[in-house]
C-alpha atoms as a PDB file:
ATOM      1  CA  MET A   1       9.373   9.335  24.122  1.00  0.00           C
ATOM      2  CA  SER A   2      10.141   8.213  20.521  1.00  0.00           C
ATOM      3  CA  LEU A   3       9.366   4.749  19.265  1.00  0.00           C
ATOM      4  CA  LYS A   4      12.321   2.897  18.971  1.00  0.00           C
ATOM      5  CA  VAL A   5      12.702   1.078  15.658  1.00  0.00           C
ATOM      6  CA  GLY A   6      15.513  -1.272  14.051  1.00  0.00           C
ATOM      7  CA  ILE A   7      15.674  -1.470  10.325  1.00  0.00           C
ATOM      8  CA  LEU A   8      16.879  -4.778   8.779  1.00  0.00           C
ATOM      9  CA  GLY A   9      18.117  -4.270   5.333  1.00  0.00           C
ATOM     10  CA  ALA A  10      19.328  -0.580   6.454  1.00  0.00           C
ATOM     11  CA  SER A  11      21.881   0.160   4.052  1.00  0.00           C
ATOM     12  CA  GLY A  12      19.719  -0.640   0.825  1.00  0.00           C
ATOM     13  CA  ARG A  13      17.744   1.851  -0.903  1.00  0.00           C
ATOM     14  CA  MET A  14      14.414   1.250   0.772  1.00  0.00           C
ATOM     15  CA  GLY A  15      16.138   1.157   4.111  1.00  0.00           C
ATOM     16  CA  GLN A  16      18.020   4.143   3.434  1.00  0.00           C
ATOM     17  CA  ALA A  17      14.591   5.868   2.857  1.00  0.00           C
ATOM     18  CA  VAL A  18      13.360   4.345   6.212  1.00  0.00           C
ATOM     19  CA  ILE A  19      15.865   6.480   7.987  1.00  0.00           C
ATOM     20  CA  VAL A  20      14.686   9.618   6.691  1.00  0.00           C
ATOM     21  CA  ALA A  21      11.041   8.912   7.119  1.00  0.00           C
ATOM     22  CA  ALA A  22      11.587   7.938  10.696  1.00  0.00           C
ATOM     23  CA  LYS A  23      13.199  11.214  11.260  1.00  0.00           C
ATOM     24  CA  ARG A  24      10.289  13.124   9.626  1.00  0.00           C
ATOM     25  CA  LEU A  25       7.609  11.200  11.607  1.00  0.00           C
ATOM     26  CA  ASP A  26       9.581  11.590  15.105  1.00  0.00           C
ATOM     27  CA  VAL A  27      10.594   8.148  15.005  1.00  0.00           C
ATOM     28  CA  ALA A  28      13.882   7.062  16.701  1.00  0.00           C
ATOM     29  CA  VAL A  29      15.992   4.702  14.406  1.00  0.00           C
ATOM     30  CA  THR A  30      18.039   2.947  17.579  1.00  0.00           C
ATOM     31  CA  ALA A  31      19.079  -0.130  15.278  1.00  0.00           C
ATOM     32  CA  ALA A  32      20.540  -0.364  11.288  1.00  0.00           C
ATOM     33  CA  VAL A  33      21.164  -3.739  10.388  1.00  0.00           C
ATOM     34  CA  VAL A  34      23.394  -4.931   7.674  1.00  0.00           C
ATOM     35  CA  SER A  35      24.456  -8.261   6.427  1.00  0.00           C
ATOM     36  CA  GLN A  36      27.870  -9.818   7.344  1.00  0.00           C
ATOM     37  CA  GLN A  37      29.557  -8.935   4.146  1.00  0.00           C
ATOM     38  CA  SER A  38      28.199  -5.397   4.119  1.00  0.00           C
ATOM     39  CA  PRO A  39      30.980  -2.675   3.981  1.00  0.00           C
ATOM     40  CA  ARG A  40      28.756  -0.244   5.828  1.00  0.00           C
ATOM     41  CA  TYR A  41      29.252  -2.211   8.792  1.00  0.00           C
ATOM     42  CA  GLY A  42      30.514  -0.014  11.888  1.00  0.00           C
ATOM     43  CA  GLN A  43      29.611   3.015   9.785  1.00  0.00           C
ATOM     44  CA  PRO A  44      27.141   6.022  11.130  1.00  0.00           C
ATOM     45  CA  ILE A  45      23.837   5.829   9.354  1.00  0.00           C
ATOM     46  CA  ARG A  46      23.703   9.658   8.986  1.00  0.00           C
ATOM     47  CA  ALA A  47      27.149  11.659   8.112  1.00  0.00           C
ATOM     48  CA  ASN A  48      26.675  13.898  10.865  1.00  0.00           C
ATOM     49  CA  ASP A  49      26.464  11.337  13.325  1.00  0.00           C
ATOM     50  CA  ALA A  50      30.351  10.342  13.654  1.00  0.00           C
ATOM     51  CA  ASP A  51      30.249  11.403  17.545  1.00  0.00           C
ATOM     52  CA  GLY A  52      28.235   8.787  19.041  1.00  0.00           C
ATOM     53  CA  GLY A  53      25.350   8.201  16.629  1.00  0.00           C
ATOM     54  CA  VAL A  54      23.681   5.157  15.518  1.00  0.00           C
ATOM     55  CA  CYS A  55      25.974   2.872  13.522  1.00  0.00           C
ATOM     56  CA  PHE A  56      25.348   0.070  10.929  1.00  0.00           C
ATOM     57  CA  GLN A  57      25.509  -3.378  12.712  1.00  0.00           C
ATOM     58  CA  HIS A  58      24.881  -7.075  12.667  1.00  0.00           C
ATOM     59  CA  ALA A  59      21.600  -8.617  13.605  1.00  0.00           C
ATOM     60  CA  ASP A  60      23.388 -10.541  16.535  1.00  0.00           C
ATOM     61  CA  GLU A  61      24.674  -7.694  18.104  1.00  0.00           C
ATOM     62  CA  LEU A  62      21.027  -6.385  19.005  1.00  0.00           C
ATOM     63  CA  GLN A  63      20.379  -6.602  22.412  1.00  0.00           C
ATOM     64  CA  ALA A  64      16.960  -6.619  24.289  1.00  0.00           C
ATOM     65  CA  GLY A  65      15.585  -3.161  24.758  1.00  0.00           C
ATOM     66  CA  GLN A  66      17.474  -1.435  21.957  1.00  0.00           C
ATOM     67  CA  VAL A  67      14.425  -1.465  19.722  1.00  0.00           C
ATOM     68  CA  GLU A  68      10.520  -1.625  19.898  1.00  0.00           C
ATOM     69  CA  VAL A  69       9.934  -2.815  16.754  1.00  0.00           C
ATOM     70  CA  LEU A  70      11.687  -4.055  13.622  1.00  0.00           C
ATOM     71  CA  ILE A  71      11.089  -3.020   9.945  1.00  0.00           C
ATOM     72  CA  ASP A  72      12.534  -5.801   7.337  1.00  0.00           C
ATOM     73  CA  PHE A  73      13.412  -4.189   3.775  1.00  0.00           C
ATOM     74  CA  SER A  74      15.933  -6.760   3.357  1.00  0.00           C
ATOM     75  CA  LEU A  75      15.997 -10.114   0.996  1.00  0.00           C
ATOM     76  CA  PRO A  76      13.849 -13.309   1.313  1.00  0.00           C
ATOM     77  CA  GLN A  77      16.449 -15.442   2.110  1.00  0.00           C
ATOM     78  CA  ALA A  78      17.186 -13.458   5.360  1.00  0.00           C
ATOM     79  CA  LEU A  79      13.523 -13.906   6.573  1.00  0.00           C
ATOM     80  CA  SER A  80      13.738 -16.747   8.711  1.00  0.00           C
ATOM     81  CA  ALA A  81      16.670 -15.268  10.691  1.00  0.00           C
ATOM     82  CA  ASN A  82      14.818 -12.094  10.763  1.00  0.00           C
ATOM     83  CA  LEU A  83      11.763 -13.521  12.279  1.00  0.00           C
ATOM     84  CA  ALA A  84      13.792 -15.315  14.671  1.00  0.00           C
ATOM     85  CA  LEU A  85      15.491 -11.981  15.732  1.00  0.00           C
ATOM     86  CA  ALA A  86      12.172 -10.423  16.360  1.00  0.00           C
ATOM     87  CA  GLN A  87      11.074 -13.371  18.508  1.00  0.00           C
ATOM     88  CA  ARG A  88      14.607 -13.646  20.307  1.00  0.00           C
ATOM     89  CA  LEU A  89      13.710  -9.792  21.220  1.00  0.00           C
ATOM     90  CA  GLN A  90      10.181 -10.200  21.436  1.00  0.00           C
ATOM     91  CA  VAL A  91       9.145  -7.217  19.486  1.00  0.00           C
ATOM     92  CA  PRO A  92       6.649  -6.626  16.342  1.00  0.00           C
ATOM     93  CA  ILE A  93       8.310  -6.807  12.878  1.00  0.00           C
ATOM     94  CA  VAL A  94       6.777  -5.217   9.963  1.00  0.00           C
ATOM     95  CA  VAL A  95       8.198  -7.460   6.703  1.00  0.00           C
ATOM     96  CA  CYS A  96       8.185  -5.418   3.449  1.00  0.00           C
ATOM     97  CA  THR A  97      10.670  -7.706   1.333  1.00  0.00           C
ATOM     98  CA  THR A  98       8.887  -8.933  -2.113  1.00  0.00           C
ATOM     99  CA  GLY A  99       9.405 -12.253  -3.569  1.00  0.00           C
ATOM    100  CA  LEU A 100       8.196 -14.222  -0.849  1.00  0.00           C
ATOM    101  CA  GLY A 101       6.723 -17.889  -1.626  1.00  0.00           C
ATOM    102  CA  GLU A 102       4.782 -20.346   0.488  1.00  0.00           C
ATOM    103  CA  SER A 103       7.454 -21.434   2.908  1.00  0.00           C
ATOM    104  CA  HIS A 104       8.051 -17.726   3.460  1.00  0.00           C
ATOM    105  CA  GLN A 105       4.450 -17.219   4.520  1.00  0.00           C
ATOM    106  CA  GLN A 106       4.225 -20.197   6.258  1.00  0.00           C
ATOM    107  CA  ALA A 107       7.152 -18.742   8.402  1.00  0.00           C
ATOM    108  CA  LEU A 108       5.134 -15.361   8.895  1.00  0.00           C
ATOM    109  CA  ASP A 109       2.251 -17.257  10.316  1.00  0.00           C
ATOM    110  CA  GLN A 110       4.229 -19.411  12.675  1.00  0.00           C
ATOM    111  CA  ALA A 111       6.005 -16.137  13.865  1.00  0.00           C
ATOM    112  CA  ALA A 112       2.614 -14.645  14.386  1.00  0.00           C
ATOM    113  CA  THR A 113       1.559 -17.142  16.924  1.00  0.00           C
ATOM    114  CA  SER A 114       3.811 -15.224  19.510  1.00  0.00           C
ATOM    115  CA  ILE A 115       4.601 -11.760  18.150  1.00  0.00           C
ATOM    116  CA  PRO A 116       2.572  -9.157  15.933  1.00  0.00           C
ATOM    117  CA  VAL A 117       3.668  -9.397  12.374  1.00  0.00           C
ATOM    118  CA  LEU A 118       2.296  -7.458   9.390  1.00  0.00           C
ATOM    119  CA  TYR A 119       3.281  -8.356   5.889  1.00  0.00           C
ATOM    120  CA  ALA A 120       2.972  -5.970   3.044  1.00  0.00           C
ATOM    121  CA  ALA A 121       4.556  -6.166  -0.582  1.00  0.00           C
ATOM    122  CA  ASN A 122       3.565  -2.655  -0.948  1.00  0.00           C
ATOM    123  CA  THR A 123       3.484  -0.071   2.217  1.00  0.00           C
ATOM    124  CA  SER A 124       1.750   2.481   0.156  1.00  0.00           C
ATOM    125  CA  VAL A 125      -1.609   3.537   1.370  1.00  0.00           C
ATOM    126  CA  GLY A 126      -2.538   3.831  -2.271  1.00  0.00           C
ATOM    127  CA  ILE A 127      -1.812   0.564  -3.315  1.00  0.00           C
ATOM    128  CA  THR A 128      -3.710  -0.873  -0.096  1.00  0.00           C
ATOM    129  CA  LEU A 129      -7.002   0.731  -1.315  1.00  0.00           C
ATOM    130  CA  LEU A 130      -6.300  -0.322  -4.872  1.00  0.00           C
ATOM    131  CA  ARG A 131      -6.286  -3.839  -3.734  1.00  0.00           C
ATOM    132  CA  GLN A 132      -9.652  -3.293  -2.429  1.00  0.00           C
ATOM    133  CA  LEU A 133     -11.126  -1.666  -5.280  1.00  0.00           C
ATOM    134  CA  VAL A 134      -9.618  -4.619  -7.444  1.00  0.00           C
ATOM    135  CA  LYS A 135     -11.327  -7.207  -5.284  1.00  0.00           C
ATOM    136  CA  LEU A 136     -14.606  -5.028  -5.658  1.00  0.00           C
ATOM    137  CA  THR A 137     -14.304  -4.891  -9.177  1.00  0.00           C
ATOM    138  CA  ALA A 138     -13.392  -8.496  -9.921  1.00  0.00           C
ATOM    139  CA  ALA A 139     -16.653  -9.547  -7.817  1.00  0.00           C
ATOM    140  CA  ALA A 140     -19.259  -7.010  -9.277  1.00  0.00           C
ATOM    141  CA  TRP A 141     -17.819  -7.644 -13.230  1.00  0.00           C
ATOM    142  CA  PRO A 142     -17.271 -11.559 -13.111  1.00  0.00           C
ATOM    143  CA  HIS A 143     -17.045 -12.265 -16.865  1.00  0.00           C
ATOM    144  CA  THR A 144     -14.423  -9.856 -17.580  1.00  0.00           C
ATOM    145  CA  ASP A 145     -10.814 -10.417 -18.604  1.00  0.00           C
ATOM    146  CA  ILE A 146      -8.224  -9.390 -16.234  1.00  0.00           C
ATOM    147  CA  GLU A 147      -4.368  -8.593 -16.941  1.00  0.00           C
ATOM    148  CA  ILE A 148      -1.959  -6.780 -14.749  1.00  0.00           C
ATOM    149  CA  ILE A 149       0.705  -4.585 -15.801  1.00  0.00           C
ATOM    150  CA  GLU A 150       3.739  -3.631 -13.737  1.00  0.00           C
ATOM    151  CA  ALA A 151       6.625  -1.316 -14.216  1.00  0.00           C
ATOM    152  CA  HIS A 152       9.875  -1.017 -12.013  1.00  0.00           C
ATOM    153  CA  HIS A 153      13.371   0.070 -11.886  1.00  0.00           C
ATOM    154  CA  SER A 154      16.237  -2.094 -14.016  1.00  0.00           C
ATOM    155  CA  ALA A 155      17.584  -3.365 -10.579  1.00  0.00           C
ATOM    156  CA  LYS A 156      14.621  -4.915  -9.435  1.00  0.00           C
ATOM    157  CA  ARG A 157      15.206  -8.498  -8.755  1.00  0.00           C
ATOM    158  CA  ASP A 158      11.868 -10.314  -8.823  1.00  0.00           C
ATOM    159  CA  GLY A 159       8.965 -10.397 -11.379  1.00  0.00           C
ATOM    160  CA  PRO A 160       6.061 -10.212 -11.126  1.00  0.00           C
ATOM    161  CA  SER A 161       6.409  -7.752  -8.332  1.00  0.00           C
ATOM    162  CA  GLY A 162       5.043  -8.799  -4.963  1.00  0.00           C
ATOM    163  CA  THR A 163       2.632  -6.066  -5.423  1.00  0.00           C
ATOM    164  CA  ALA A 164       1.263  -7.178  -8.872  1.00  0.00           C
ATOM    165  CA  LEU A 165       0.946 -10.994  -7.186  1.00  0.00           C
ATOM    166  CA  ALA A 166      -1.089  -9.245  -4.503  1.00  0.00           C
ATOM    167  CA  LEU A 167      -3.295  -7.410  -6.696  1.00  0.00           C
ATOM    168  CA  GLY A 168      -3.573 -10.811  -8.391  1.00  0.00           C
ATOM    169  CA  ALA A 169      -4.657 -12.439  -5.310  1.00  0.00           C
ATOM    170  CA  SER A 170      -7.215  -9.655  -4.452  1.00  0.00           C
ATOM    171  CA  ALA A 171      -8.618 -10.175  -8.113  1.00  0.00           C
ATOM    172  CA  ALA A 172      -8.909 -14.034  -7.646  1.00  0.00           C
ATOM    173  CA  ALA A 173     -10.524 -13.276  -4.210  1.00  0.00           C
ATOM    174  CA  GLY A 174     -12.949 -11.040  -5.567  1.00  0.00           C
ATOM    175  CA  ARG A 175     -14.187 -14.207  -7.949  1.00  0.00           C
ATOM    176  CA  GLY A 176     -13.944 -16.634  -5.072  1.00  0.00           C
ATOM    177  CA  VAL A 177     -10.747 -18.599  -6.568  1.00  0.00           C
ATOM    178  CA  GLU A 178      -7.113 -18.775  -5.555  1.00  0.00           C
ATOM    179  CA  LEU A 179      -4.496 -16.947  -7.658  1.00  0.00           C
ATOM    180  CA  ALA A 180      -2.236 -19.982  -8.212  1.00  0.00           C
ATOM    181  CA  ASP A 181      -5.451 -21.881  -9.674  1.00  0.00           C
ATOM    182  CA  VAL A 182      -5.949 -18.945 -12.388  1.00  0.00           C
ATOM    183  CA  SER A 183      -2.728 -17.465 -12.737  1.00  0.00           C
ATOM    184  CA  ALA A 184      -1.434 -17.408 -16.383  1.00  0.00           C
ATOM    185  CA  GLY A 185       2.396 -16.268 -15.174  1.00  0.00           C
ATOM    186  CA  VAL A 186       3.682 -13.546 -17.321  1.00  0.00           C
ATOM    187  CA  ARG A 187       2.146 -13.637 -20.740  1.00  0.00           C
ATOM    188  CA  GLY A 188       3.952 -15.434 -23.698  1.00  0.00           C
ATOM    189  CA  ASP A 189       2.623 -17.357 -26.370  1.00  0.00           C
ATOM    190  CA  GLY A 190      -0.572 -19.215 -26.553  1.00  0.00           C
ATOM    191  CA  LEU A 191      -4.358 -18.363 -26.370  1.00  0.00           C
ATOM    192  CA  ARG A 192      -5.916 -16.702 -23.590  1.00  0.00           C
ATOM    193  CA  GLN A 193      -8.056 -19.296 -21.211  1.00  0.00           C
ATOM    194  CA  PRO A 194     -11.082 -17.849 -20.088  1.00  0.00           C
ATOM    195  CA  GLY A 195     -10.881 -16.816 -16.069  1.00  0.00           C
ATOM    196  CA  SER A 196      -7.294 -16.376 -16.389  1.00  0.00           C
ATOM    197  CA  ILE A 197      -5.135 -13.929 -14.761  1.00  0.00           C
ATOM    198  CA  GLY A 198      -1.726 -12.761 -16.542  1.00  0.00           C
ATOM    199  CA  PHE A 199       0.669 -10.450 -15.914  1.00  0.00           C
ATOM    200  CA  ALA A 200       3.140  -8.151 -17.663  1.00  0.00           C
ATOM    201  CA  VAL A 201       6.789  -6.810 -16.586  1.00  0.00           C
ATOM    202  CA  VAL A 202       8.377  -3.983 -17.618  1.00  0.00           C
ATOM    203  CA  ARG A 203      12.100  -3.210 -16.071  1.00  0.00           C
ATOM    204  CA  ALA A 204      13.550   0.060 -17.361  1.00  0.00           C
ATOM    205  CA  ALA A 205      15.806   2.650 -15.877  1.00  0.00           C
ATOM    206  CA  ASP A 206      14.668   4.564 -12.815  1.00  0.00           C
ATOM    207  CA  ILE A 207      10.866   3.616 -12.752  1.00  0.00           C
ATOM    208  CA  ILE A 208       9.746   3.270  -9.002  1.00  0.00           C
ATOM    209  CA  GLY A 209       6.818   1.709  -9.236  1.00  0.00           C
ATOM    210  CA  GLU A 210       3.501   1.474 -11.662  1.00  0.00           C
ATOM    211  CA  HIS A 211       0.871  -1.075 -11.541  1.00  0.00           C
ATOM    212  CA  THR A 212      -2.260  -0.979 -13.442  1.00  0.00           C
ATOM    213  CA  VAL A 213      -5.167  -3.791 -13.372  1.00  0.00           C
ATOM    214  CA  LEU A 214      -6.946  -3.958 -16.465  1.00  0.00           C
ATOM    215  CA  PHE A 215     -10.626  -5.371 -16.883  1.00  0.00           C
ATOM    216  CA  ALA A 216     -12.035  -6.011 -20.182  1.00  0.00           C
ATOM    217  CA  GLN A 217     -15.220  -7.261 -21.803  1.00  0.00           C
ATOM    218  CA  SER A 218     -16.029  -6.632 -25.644  1.00  0.00           C
ATOM    219  CA  GLY A 219     -16.816  -3.146 -26.252  1.00  0.00           C
ATOM    220  CA  GLU A 220     -15.408  -1.792 -22.524  1.00  0.00           C
ATOM    221  CA  ARG A 221     -12.354  -1.754 -20.284  1.00  0.00           C
ATOM    222  CA  LEU A 222     -11.805  -0.205 -16.978  1.00  0.00           C
ATOM    223  CA  GLU A 223      -7.969   0.618 -15.923  1.00  0.00           C
ATOM    224  CA  LEU A 224      -7.223   0.812 -12.389  1.00  0.00           C
ATOM    225  CA  THR A 225      -3.775   2.242 -12.130  1.00  0.00           C
ATOM    226  CA  HIS A 226      -1.385   3.546  -8.970  1.00  0.00           C
ATOM    227  CA  ARG A 227       1.822   5.058  -9.759  1.00  0.00           C
ATOM    228  CA  VAL A 228       4.698   6.114  -7.253  1.00  0.00           C
ATOM    229  CA  GLY A 229       6.997   9.200  -8.123  1.00  0.00           C
ATOM    230  CA  ASP A 230       8.684   8.862  -4.592  1.00  0.00           C
ATOM    231  CA  ARG A 231       9.826   5.687  -3.011  1.00  0.00           C
ATOM    232  CA  HIS A 232       9.490   7.655   0.327  1.00  0.00           C
ATOM    233  CA  ILE A 233       5.819   7.077   0.052  1.00  0.00           C
ATOM    234  CA  PHE A 234       6.924   3.308   0.915  1.00  0.00           C
ATOM    235  CA  ALA A 235       9.141   4.329   3.624  1.00  0.00           C
ATOM    236  CA  GLN A 236       6.244   6.556   5.079  1.00  0.00           C
ATOM    237  CA  GLY A 237       3.958   3.912   5.038  1.00  0.00           C
ATOM    238  CA  ALA A 238       6.206   1.354   6.828  1.00  0.00           C
ATOM    239  CA  VAL A 239       6.970   3.489   9.637  1.00  0.00           C
ATOM    240  CA  GLN A 240       3.352   4.174  10.174  1.00  0.00           C
ATOM    241  CA  ALA A 241       2.540   0.734  10.090  1.00  0.00           C
ATOM    242  CA  ALA A 242       5.314   0.159  12.544  1.00  0.00           C
ATOM    243  CA  GLN A 243       3.542   2.783  14.554  1.00  0.00           C
ATOM    244  CA  TRP A 244       0.276   0.572  14.681  1.00  0.00           C
ATOM    245  CA  LEU A 245       1.774  -2.621  14.979  1.00  0.00           C
ATOM    246  CA  GLN A 246       3.599  -1.844  18.301  1.00  0.00           C
ATOM    247  CA  GLN A 247       0.239  -1.281  19.900  1.00  0.00           C
ATOM    248  CA  GLN A 248      -0.964  -4.804  18.617  1.00  0.00           C
ATOM    249  CA  PRO A 249      -1.340  -8.155  20.082  1.00  0.00           C
ATOM    250  CA  ALA A 250       0.521 -11.137  18.720  1.00  0.00           C
ATOM    251  CA  GLY A 251      -1.159 -12.007  15.252  1.00  0.00           C
ATOM    252  CA  ARG A 252      -0.882 -11.738  11.593  1.00  0.00           C
ATOM    253  CA  TYR A 253      -1.947  -8.193  10.164  1.00  0.00           C
ATOM    254  CA  SER A 254      -2.029  -6.465   6.913  1.00  0.00           C
ATOM    255  CA  MET A 255      -2.341  -2.587   5.742  1.00  0.00           C
ATOM    256  CA  ALA A 256      -5.839  -2.835   5.233  1.00  0.00           C
ATOM    257  CA  ASP A 257      -5.996  -4.020   9.011  1.00  0.00           C
ATOM    258  CA  MET A 258      -4.097  -0.676  10.001  1.00  0.00           C
ATOM    259  CA  LEU A 259      -6.391   1.535   7.872  1.00  0.00           C
ATOM    260  CA  GLN A 260      -9.112  -0.208   9.219  1.00  0.00           C
ATOM    261  CA  LEU A 261     -10.607  -0.682   5.775  1.00  0.00           C
ATOM    262  CA  ARG A 262     -13.080  -3.138   6.584  1.00  0.00           C
ATOM    263  CA  THR A 263     -15.110  -0.894   9.155  1.00  0.00           C
ATOM    264  CA  LEU A 264     -14.831   1.675   6.700  1.00  0.00           C
ATOM    265  CA  LEU A 265     -16.587  -0.165   3.952  1.00  0.00           C
ATOM    266  CA  GLN A 266     -19.253  -1.604   6.222  1.00  0.00           C
ATOM    267  CA  ASP A 267     -19.986   2.187   7.336  1.00  0.00           C
ATOM    268  CA  LEU A 268     -20.069   3.161   3.774  1.00  0.00           C
ATOM    269  CA  LEU A 269     -22.234   0.586   2.287  1.00  0.00           C
END
């Protein structure tokens, strides 16, 4: 029997992409949650589902047993309610919302004491691998300058992107420090401080997502870049994460856990 998935933020561009990806991966979308103000409420999630198919609904209408795992592509301000929903239904939740702050991270940790929680600012397998490469490079090349450049579509709300910040955190971890202690934020005026990590943000047209981590020293530089040409990559990764998470006990997880990267690196080294 297909895994039963509920999508939070189902009417957004990523929610719609998850609906398509779920069908490709033989996963059943059994709930599509939208906000109280959404004009899509009550409409079928697919045009040809008018006769008895799944319709967009509100979170308080979800019933026990309707879903086996939730995928959240909504907004940061909805996180608390979404985690409470997952706890009420006692199902795992994959949180893909970007722009989360420290209080949000604490909420994820708290929820993970009772249900499986996987948080990923970016569900691309390529980005997950890039984070490991960045951490390794930062550790092995400790005196280089590090800068992170990211580009997204003109409608993206947060900047730097959650993925850029995650890459910055990986670079900082490779150096044994916290990003908050070395981040220069979005580069503006002023001299570069040694050991700092800066960000550059581009917002234009329909760019889906591009991230470059630059390591530079006098006479030499290394650029690690990831580009996305189809946002269904993110949706596919989210669905795969949901399939994996549904088999895990309560706890806090990442895409690296799903890919078993720690075990792979140990085997390779």
